[in-house]
């Protein structure tokens, strides 16, 4: 049919091309109702999955979950023996990863009240990661209190965990806003009310009530 060597092949080719290029005109009332029907069905399905499936499964993997937990898209992937403490009114978006390192028996992840965890956030916990209250964690953020893999290639080849001295807890204060694509690395403390600009790599402590940005992140201005 693609070669169109005879009349019927040319006819079939024309019909196929015409059919692929066909368009149905917009009918105001009909298509408006169909759109609303689709939106309500998807919204209802997401609500039922969250209520009866995602949230109960997450609670089964947590040491403590406060009231009014909201999962917007999907169940976070939880790897390892991680003790998770979630406060009240916490919102977690979809496809996140909360992973425990193999050095300490029960590393701890603590998320404070009224905090929002954005899309595709990865938190790697060797010992302790603490996120305060009323925080906003943007999408594609990495928070890690460890290097995740040894520096020595022989240790990596043997699949060994990082050494204990390479693990340093991460503490994020209250009312902190971490922009999209940031990396918060081991041993960092971010003070209350700080703002971390998108794409920043934080390797040193950030004081309270300031804006920090860059790689490595440094304070660019103070906030009143």
C-alpha atoms as a PDB file:
ATOM      1  CA  UNK A   1       0.000   0.000   0.000  1.00  0.00           C
ATOM      2  CA  UNK A   2       2.870   2.397   0.785  1.00  0.00           C
ATOM      3  CA  UNK A   3       4.421   1.782  -2.666  1.00  0.00           C
ATOM      4  CA  UNK A   4       1.049   2.538  -4.395  1.00  0.00           C
ATOM      5  CA  UNK A   5       1.831   0.259  -7.318  1.00  0.00           C
ATOM      6  CA  UNK A   6      -1.781  -0.117  -8.520  1.00  0.00           C
ATOM      7  CA  UNK A   7      -5.084   1.672  -8.298  1.00  0.00           C
ATOM      8  CA  UNK A   8      -6.462  -0.130  -5.227  1.00  0.00           C
ATOM      9  CA  UNK A   9      -3.219   0.404  -3.296  1.00  0.00           C
ATOM     10  CA  UNK A  10      -3.386   4.098  -4.163  1.00  0.00           C
ATOM     11  CA  UNK A  11      -7.022   4.172  -3.006  1.00  0.00           C
ATOM     12  CA  UNK A  12      -6.213   2.488   0.308  1.00  0.00           C
ATOM     13  CA  UNK A  13      -3.257   4.815   0.840  1.00  0.00           C
ATOM     14  CA  UNK A  14      -5.430   7.862   0.169  1.00  0.00           C
ATOM     15  CA  UNK A  15      -8.118   6.568   2.578  1.00  0.00           C
ATOM     16  CA  UNK A  16      -5.558   5.921   5.299  1.00  0.00           C
ATOM     17  CA  UNK A  17      -3.938   9.357   4.962  1.00  0.00           C
ATOM     18  CA  UNK A  18      -7.309  11.095   4.833  1.00  0.00           C
ATOM     19  CA  UNK A  19      -8.525   9.218   7.905  1.00  0.00           C
ATOM     20  CA  UNK A  20      -5.407  10.132   9.898  1.00  0.00           C
ATOM     21  CA  UNK A  21      -5.833  13.793   9.004  1.00  0.00           C
ATOM     22  CA  UNK A  22      -9.545  13.929   9.775  1.00  0.00           C
ATOM     23  CA  UNK A  23     -10.823  16.264  12.497  1.00  0.00           C
ATOM     24  CA  UNK A  24     -14.107  16.408  14.368  1.00  0.00           C
ATOM     25  CA  UNK A  25     -15.406  19.950  14.881  1.00  0.00           C
ATOM     26  CA  UNK A  26     -15.869  21.290  18.404  1.00  0.00           C
ATOM     27  CA  UNK A  27     -19.508  21.076  19.492  1.00  0.00           C
ATOM     28  CA  UNK A  28     -19.891  23.510  22.431  1.00  0.00           C
ATOM     29  CA  UNK A  29     -22.401  21.800  24.710  1.00  0.00           C
ATOM     30  CA  UNK A  30     -21.524  18.190  23.887  1.00  0.00           C
ATOM     31  CA  UNK A  31     -17.758  18.447  24.243  1.00  0.00           C
ATOM     32  CA  UNK A  32     -17.976  20.679  27.309  1.00  0.00           C
ATOM     33  CA  UNK A  33     -20.066  18.000  29.010  1.00  0.00           C
ATOM     34  CA  UNK A  34     -17.712  15.230  27.887  1.00  0.00           C
ATOM     35  CA  UNK A  35     -14.728  17.142  29.236  1.00  0.00           C
ATOM     36  CA  UNK A  36     -16.400  17.684  32.607  1.00  0.00           C
ATOM     37  CA  UNK A  37     -17.413  14.020  32.731  1.00  0.00           C
ATOM     38  CA  UNK A  38     -13.815  12.936  32.105  1.00  0.00           C
ATOM     39  CA  UNK A  39     -12.471  15.367  34.710  1.00  0.00           C
ATOM     40  CA  UNK A  40     -14.935  14.207  37.361  1.00  0.00           C
ATOM     41  CA  UNK A  41     -14.250  10.527  36.672  1.00  0.00           C
ATOM     42  CA  UNK A  42     -10.485  10.994  36.924  1.00  0.00           C
ATOM     43  CA  UNK A  43     -10.839  13.125  40.047  1.00  0.00           C
ATOM     44  CA  UNK A  44     -13.095  10.541  41.685  1.00  0.00           C
ATOM     45  CA  UNK A  45     -10.743   7.687  40.765  1.00  0.00           C
ATOM     46  CA  UNK A  46      -7.703   9.531  42.152  1.00  0.00           C
ATOM     47  CA  UNK A  47      -9.592  10.292  45.360  1.00  0.00           C
ATOM     48  CA  UNK A  48     -10.616   6.648  45.827  1.00  0.00           C
ATOM     49  CA  UNK A  49      -7.055   5.407  45.199  1.00  0.00           C
ATOM     50  CA  UNK A  50      -5.683   7.910  47.680  1.00  0.00           C
ATOM     51  CA  UNK A  51      -8.297   7.171  50.336  1.00  0.00           C
ATOM     52  CA  UNK A  52      -8.410   3.366  50.197  1.00  0.00           C
ATOM     53  CA  UNK A  53      -5.018   2.386  48.797  1.00  0.00           C
ATOM     54  CA  UNK A  54      -2.116   4.863  48.803  1.00  0.00           C
ATOM     55  CA  UNK A  55      -2.568   6.480  52.210  1.00  0.00           C
ATOM     56  CA  UNK A  56      -3.197   3.237  54.172  1.00  0.00           C
ATOM     57  CA  UNK A  57      -0.141   1.639  52.554  1.00  0.00           C
ATOM     58  CA  UNK A  58       2.053   4.614  53.427  1.00  0.00           C
ATOM     59  CA  UNK A  59       0.786   4.618  57.005  1.00  0.00           C
ATOM     60  CA  UNK A  60       1.708   0.942  57.305  1.00  0.00           C
ATOM     61  CA  UNK A  61       5.362   1.873  56.592  1.00  0.00           C
ATOM     62  CA  UNK A  62       5.549   4.853  58.943  1.00  0.00           C
ATOM     63  CA  UNK A  63       6.378   5.006  62.635  1.00  0.00           C
ATOM     64  CA  UNK A  64       3.933   7.892  63.053  1.00  0.00           C
ATOM     65  CA  UNK A  65       1.507   9.735  60.769  1.00  0.00           C
ATOM     66  CA  UNK A  66      -0.433  12.786  61.939  1.00  0.00           C
ATOM     67  CA  UNK A  67      -3.909  13.791  60.887  1.00  0.00           C
ATOM     68  CA  UNK A  68      -4.948  14.927  57.395  1.00  0.00           C
ATOM     69  CA  UNK A  69      -2.153  13.331  55.402  1.00  0.00           C
ATOM     70  CA  UNK A  70      -2.661  13.984  51.661  1.00  0.00           C
ATOM     71  CA  UNK A  71      -1.036  12.053  48.800  1.00  0.00           C
ATOM     72  CA  UNK A  72      -1.697  13.886  45.554  1.00  0.00           C
ATOM     73  CA  UNK A  73      -0.551  11.404  42.917  1.00  0.00           C
ATOM     74  CA  UNK A  74       0.983   8.109  44.027  1.00  0.00           C
ATOM     75  CA  UNK A  75       2.569   6.138  46.830  1.00  0.00           C
ATOM     76  CA  UNK A  76       6.190   7.113  47.581  1.00  0.00           C
ATOM     77  CA  UNK A  77       8.780   4.396  47.090  1.00  0.00           C
ATOM     78  CA  UNK A  78      10.205   3.516  50.526  1.00  0.00           C
ATOM     79  CA  UNK A  79      13.429   1.518  50.476  1.00  0.00           C
ATOM     80  CA  UNK A  80      15.205   0.012  53.463  1.00  0.00           C
ATOM     81  CA  UNK A  81      14.454  -0.017  57.169  1.00  0.00           C
ATOM     82  CA  UNK A  82      13.514   3.653  57.400  1.00  0.00           C
ATOM     83  CA  UNK A  83      11.602   5.060  60.390  1.00  0.00           C
ATOM     84  CA  UNK A  84       9.328   7.813  59.047  1.00  0.00           C
ATOM     85  CA  UNK A  85       7.577  10.358  61.270  1.00  0.00           C
ATOM     86  CA  UNK A  86       5.017  12.566  59.497  1.00  0.00           C
ATOM     87  CA  UNK A  87       3.261  15.472  61.202  1.00  0.00           C
ATOM     88  CA  UNK A  88      -0.240  16.887  60.755  1.00  0.00           C
ATOM     89  CA  UNK A  89      -1.582  18.288  57.468  1.00  0.00           C
ATOM     90  CA  UNK A  90       1.377  17.097  55.383  1.00  0.00           C
ATOM     91  CA  UNK A  91       0.977  16.928  51.593  1.00  0.00           C
ATOM     92  CA  UNK A  92       3.176  14.628  49.498  1.00  0.00           C
ATOM     93  CA  UNK A  93       3.121  14.716  45.712  1.00  0.00           C
ATOM     94  CA  UNK A  94       3.819  11.717  43.466  1.00  0.00           C
ATOM     95  CA  UNK A  95       6.728   9.439  42.538  1.00  0.00           C
ATOM     96  CA  UNK A  96       8.943  10.312  45.494  1.00  0.00           C
ATOM     97  CA  UNK A  97      11.676   8.080  46.925  1.00  0.00           C
ATOM     98  CA  UNK A  98      12.481   7.809  50.636  1.00  0.00           C
ATOM     99  CA  UNK A  99      15.483   5.499  51.035  1.00  0.00           C
ATOM    100  CA  UNK A 100      17.463   4.255  54.031  1.00  0.00           C
ATOM    101  CA  UNK A 101      21.191   3.614  53.926  1.00  0.00           C
ATOM    102  CA  UNK A 102      22.557   0.324  55.292  1.00  0.00           C
ATOM    103  CA  UNK A 103      24.943   1.732  57.904  1.00  0.00           C
ATOM    104  CA  UNK A 104      22.581   2.337  60.860  1.00  0.00           C
ATOM    105  CA  UNK A 105      19.804  -0.075  61.746  1.00  0.00           C
ATOM    106  CA  UNK A 106      16.923   2.406  61.761  1.00  0.00           C
ATOM    107  CA  UNK A 107      17.631   5.791  60.156  1.00  0.00           C
ATOM    108  CA  UNK A 108      14.973   8.417  60.783  1.00  0.00           C
ATOM    109  CA  UNK A 109      13.097  10.789  58.475  1.00  0.00           C
ATOM    110  CA  UNK A 110      10.982  13.446  60.204  1.00  0.00           C
ATOM    111  CA  UNK A 111       8.567  15.710  58.311  1.00  0.00           C
ATOM    112  CA  UNK A 112       6.931  18.527  60.272  1.00  0.00           C
ATOM    113  CA  UNK A 113       3.344  19.797  60.296  1.00  0.00           C
ATOM    114  CA  UNK A 114       1.879  21.601  57.258  1.00  0.00           C
ATOM    115  CA  UNK A 115       4.849  20.749  55.023  1.00  0.00           C
ATOM    116  CA  UNK A 116       4.550  20.146  51.279  1.00  0.00           C
ATOM    117  CA  UNK A 117       6.826  17.636  49.510  1.00  0.00           C
ATOM    118  CA  UNK A 118       6.807  18.201  45.744  1.00  0.00           C
ATOM    119  CA  UNK A 119       6.967  15.907  42.747  1.00  0.00           C
ATOM    120  CA  UNK A 120       9.896  13.510  42.307  1.00  0.00           C
ATOM    121  CA  UNK A 121      11.719  14.336  45.547  1.00  0.00           C
ATOM    122  CA  UNK A 122      14.430  11.909  46.671  1.00  0.00           C
ATOM    123  CA  UNK A 123      15.430  11.729  50.343  1.00  0.00           C
ATOM    124  CA  UNK A 124      18.368   9.462  51.208  1.00  0.00           C
ATOM    125  CA  UNK A 125      18.757   8.866  54.939  1.00  0.00           C
ATOM    126  CA  UNK A 126      21.861   7.337  56.477  1.00  0.00           C
ATOM    127  CA  UNK A 127      21.099   8.434  60.033  1.00  0.00           C
ATOM    128  CA  UNK A 128      18.720  11.408  60.280  1.00  0.00           C
ATOM    129  CA  UNK A 129      16.970  13.913  58.031  1.00  0.00           C
ATOM    130  CA  UNK A 130      14.629  16.427  59.662  1.00  0.00           C
ATOM    131  CA  UNK A 131      12.285  18.741  57.757  1.00  0.00           C
ATOM    132  CA  UNK A 132      10.517  21.404  59.829  1.00  0.00           C
ATOM    133  CA  UNK A 133       6.999  22.782  59.826  1.00  0.00           C
ATOM    134  CA  UNK A 134       5.367  24.810  57.027  1.00  0.00           C
ATOM    135  CA  UNK A 135       8.137  23.940  54.550  1.00  0.00           C
ATOM    136  CA  UNK A 136       7.815  23.891  50.769  1.00  0.00           C
ATOM    137  CA  UNK A 137      10.018  21.340  49.002  1.00  0.00           C
ATOM    138  CA  UNK A 138       9.960  21.838  45.226  1.00  0.00           C
ATOM    139  CA  UNK A 139      10.019  19.170  42.548  1.00  0.00           C
ATOM    140  CA  UNK A 140      13.152  17.178  41.648  1.00  0.00           C
ATOM    141  CA  UNK A 141      14.877  17.983  44.946  1.00  0.00           C
ATOM    142  CA  UNK A 142      17.532  15.711  46.462  1.00  0.00           C
ATOM    143  CA  UNK A 143      18.091  15.664  50.226  1.00  0.00           C
ATOM    144  CA  UNK A 144      20.837  13.331  51.485  1.00  0.00           C
ATOM    145  CA  UNK A 145      22.734  13.044  54.752  1.00  0.00           C
ATOM    146  CA  UNK A 146      25.274  10.714  53.122  1.00  0.00           C
ATOM    147  CA  UNK A 147      27.223  10.218  49.896  1.00  0.00           C
ATOM    148  CA  UNK A 148      25.085   7.153  49.047  1.00  0.00           C
ATOM    149  CA  UNK A 149      28.136   5.307  47.689  1.00  0.00           C
ATOM    150  CA  UNK A 150      31.766   4.999  48.861  1.00  0.00           C
ATOM    151  CA  UNK A 151      34.361   7.161  47.145  1.00  0.00           C
ATOM    152  CA  UNK A 152      36.751   4.209  46.751  1.00  0.00           C
ATOM    153  CA  UNK A 153      36.024   2.250  43.566  1.00  0.00           C
ATOM    154  CA  UNK A 154      36.891  -1.111  45.130  1.00  0.00           C
ATOM    155  CA  UNK A 155      34.278  -0.580  47.835  1.00  0.00           C
ATOM    156  CA  UNK A 156      31.702   0.419  45.215  1.00  0.00           C
ATOM    157  CA  UNK A 157      32.475  -2.721  43.207  1.00  0.00           C
ATOM    158  CA  UNK A 158      31.882  -4.838  46.324  1.00  0.00           C
ATOM    159  CA  UNK A 159      28.601  -2.968  46.916  1.00  0.00           C
ATOM    160  CA  UNK A 160      29.684  -1.776  50.356  1.00  0.00           C
ATOM    161  CA  UNK A 161      27.822   1.046  52.138  1.00  0.00           C
ATOM    162  CA  UNK A 162      29.411   4.369  52.971  1.00  0.00           C
ATOM    163  CA  UNK A 163      31.454   4.636  56.171  1.00  0.00           C
ATOM    164  CA  UNK A 164      29.796   6.001  59.309  1.00  0.00           C
ATOM    165  CA  UNK A 165      32.037   9.066  59.312  1.00  0.00           C
ATOM    166  CA  UNK A 166      30.651   9.981  55.874  1.00  0.00           C
ATOM    167  CA  UNK A 167      27.127  10.342  57.295  1.00  0.00           C
ATOM    168  CA  UNK A 168      26.142  13.711  58.766  1.00  0.00           C
ATOM    169  CA  UNK A 169      22.493  14.554  59.615  1.00  0.00           C
ATOM    170  CA  UNK A 170      20.552  17.167  57.648  1.00  0.00           C
ATOM    171  CA  UNK A 171      18.275  19.602  59.487  1.00  0.00           C
ATOM    172  CA  UNK A 172      15.850  21.889  57.640  1.00  0.00           C
ATOM    173  CA  UNK A 173      14.133  24.480  59.807  1.00  0.00           C
ATOM    174  CA  UNK A 174      10.574  25.785  59.802  1.00  0.00           C
ATOM    175  CA  UNK A 175       9.084  27.839  56.944  1.00  0.00           C
ATOM    176  CA  UNK A 176      11.902  26.918  54.546  1.00  0.00           C
ATOM    177  CA  UNK A 177      11.256  27.067  50.786  1.00  0.00           C
ATOM    178  CA  UNK A 178      13.533  24.861  48.673  1.00  0.00           C
ATOM    179  CA  UNK A 179      13.216  25.561  44.949  1.00  0.00           C
ATOM    180  CA  UNK A 180      13.059  23.097  42.089  1.00  0.00           C
ATOM    181  CA  UNK A 181      16.079  20.936  41.344  1.00  0.00           C
ATOM    182  CA  UNK A 182      18.074  21.708  44.505  1.00  0.00           C
ATOM    183  CA  UNK A 183      20.488  19.304  46.187  1.00  0.00           C
ATOM    184  CA  UNK A 184      20.759  19.484  49.985  1.00  0.00           C
ATOM    185  CA  UNK A 185      23.821  17.463  50.963  1.00  0.00           C
ATOM    186  CA  UNK A 186      25.170  15.919  54.149  1.00  0.00           C
ATOM    187  CA  UNK A 187      25.817  17.892  57.326  1.00  0.00           C
ATOM    188  CA  UNK A 188      23.738  20.888  56.244  1.00  0.00           C
ATOM    189  CA  UNK A 189      21.483  22.902  58.545  1.00  0.00           C
ATOM    190  CA  UNK A 190      19.078  25.375  56.910  1.00  0.00           C
ATOM    191  CA  UNK A 191      17.707  28.024  59.238  1.00  0.00           C
ATOM    192  CA  UNK A 192      14.060  29.011  59.706  1.00  0.00           C
ATOM    193  CA  UNK A 193      12.467  31.032  56.924  1.00  0.00           C
ATOM    194  CA  UNK A 194      15.312  30.551  54.437  1.00  0.00           C
ATOM    195  CA  UNK A 195      14.722  30.369  50.679  1.00  0.00           C
ATOM    196  CA  UNK A 196      16.952  28.184  48.496  1.00  0.00           C
ATOM    197  CA  UNK A 197      16.979  29.221  44.832  1.00  0.00           C
ATOM    198  CA  UNK A 198      16.152  26.685  42.118  1.00  0.00           C
ATOM    199  CA  UNK A 199      19.001  24.436  41.039  1.00  0.00           C
ATOM    200  CA  UNK A 200      21.210  25.256  44.023  1.00  0.00           C
ATOM    201  CA  UNK A 201      23.634  22.793  45.613  1.00  0.00           C
ATOM    202  CA  UNK A 202      23.771  23.317  49.379  1.00  0.00           C
ATOM    203  CA  UNK A 203      26.948  21.993  50.998  1.00  0.00           C
ATOM    204  CA  UNK A 204      27.258  24.446  53.945  1.00  0.00           C
ATOM    205  CA  UNK A 205      24.870  25.735  56.604  1.00  0.00           C
ATOM    206  CA  UNK A 206      22.410  28.443  55.526  1.00  0.00           C
ATOM    207  CA  UNK A 207      21.349  31.001  58.164  1.00  0.00           C
ATOM    208  CA  UNK A 208      17.742  31.868  58.950  1.00  0.00           C
ATOM    209  CA  UNK A 209      15.669  34.381  56.976  1.00  0.00           C
ATOM    210  CA  UNK A 210      17.831  34.752  53.889  1.00  0.00           C
ATOM    211  CA  UNK A 211      17.903  33.804  50.204  1.00  0.00           C
ATOM    212  CA  UNK A 212      20.687  31.449  49.134  1.00  0.00           C
ATOM    213  CA  UNK A 213      21.480  30.313  45.612  1.00  0.00           C
ATOM    214  CA  UNK A 214      24.223  28.888  43.427  1.00  0.00           C
ATOM    215  CA  UNK A 215      26.637  25.957  43.314  1.00  0.00           C
ATOM    216  CA  UNK A 216      27.782  25.879  46.017  1.00  0.00           C
ATOM    217  CA  UNK A 217      24.886  27.859  47.492  1.00  0.00           C
ATOM    218  CA  UNK A 218      25.722  31.110  49.279  1.00  0.00           C
ATOM    219  CA  UNK A 219      23.621  33.884  50.762  1.00  0.00           C
ATOM    220  CA  UNK A 220      22.563  36.446  48.161  1.00  0.00           C
ATOM    221  CA  UNK A 221      20.341  38.614  50.356  1.00  0.00           C
ATOM    222  CA  UNK A 222      18.755  38.810  53.791  1.00  0.00           C
ATOM    223  CA  UNK A 223      15.019  38.750  54.332  1.00  0.00           C
ATOM    224  CA  UNK A 224      13.238  41.106  56.704  1.00  0.00           C
END
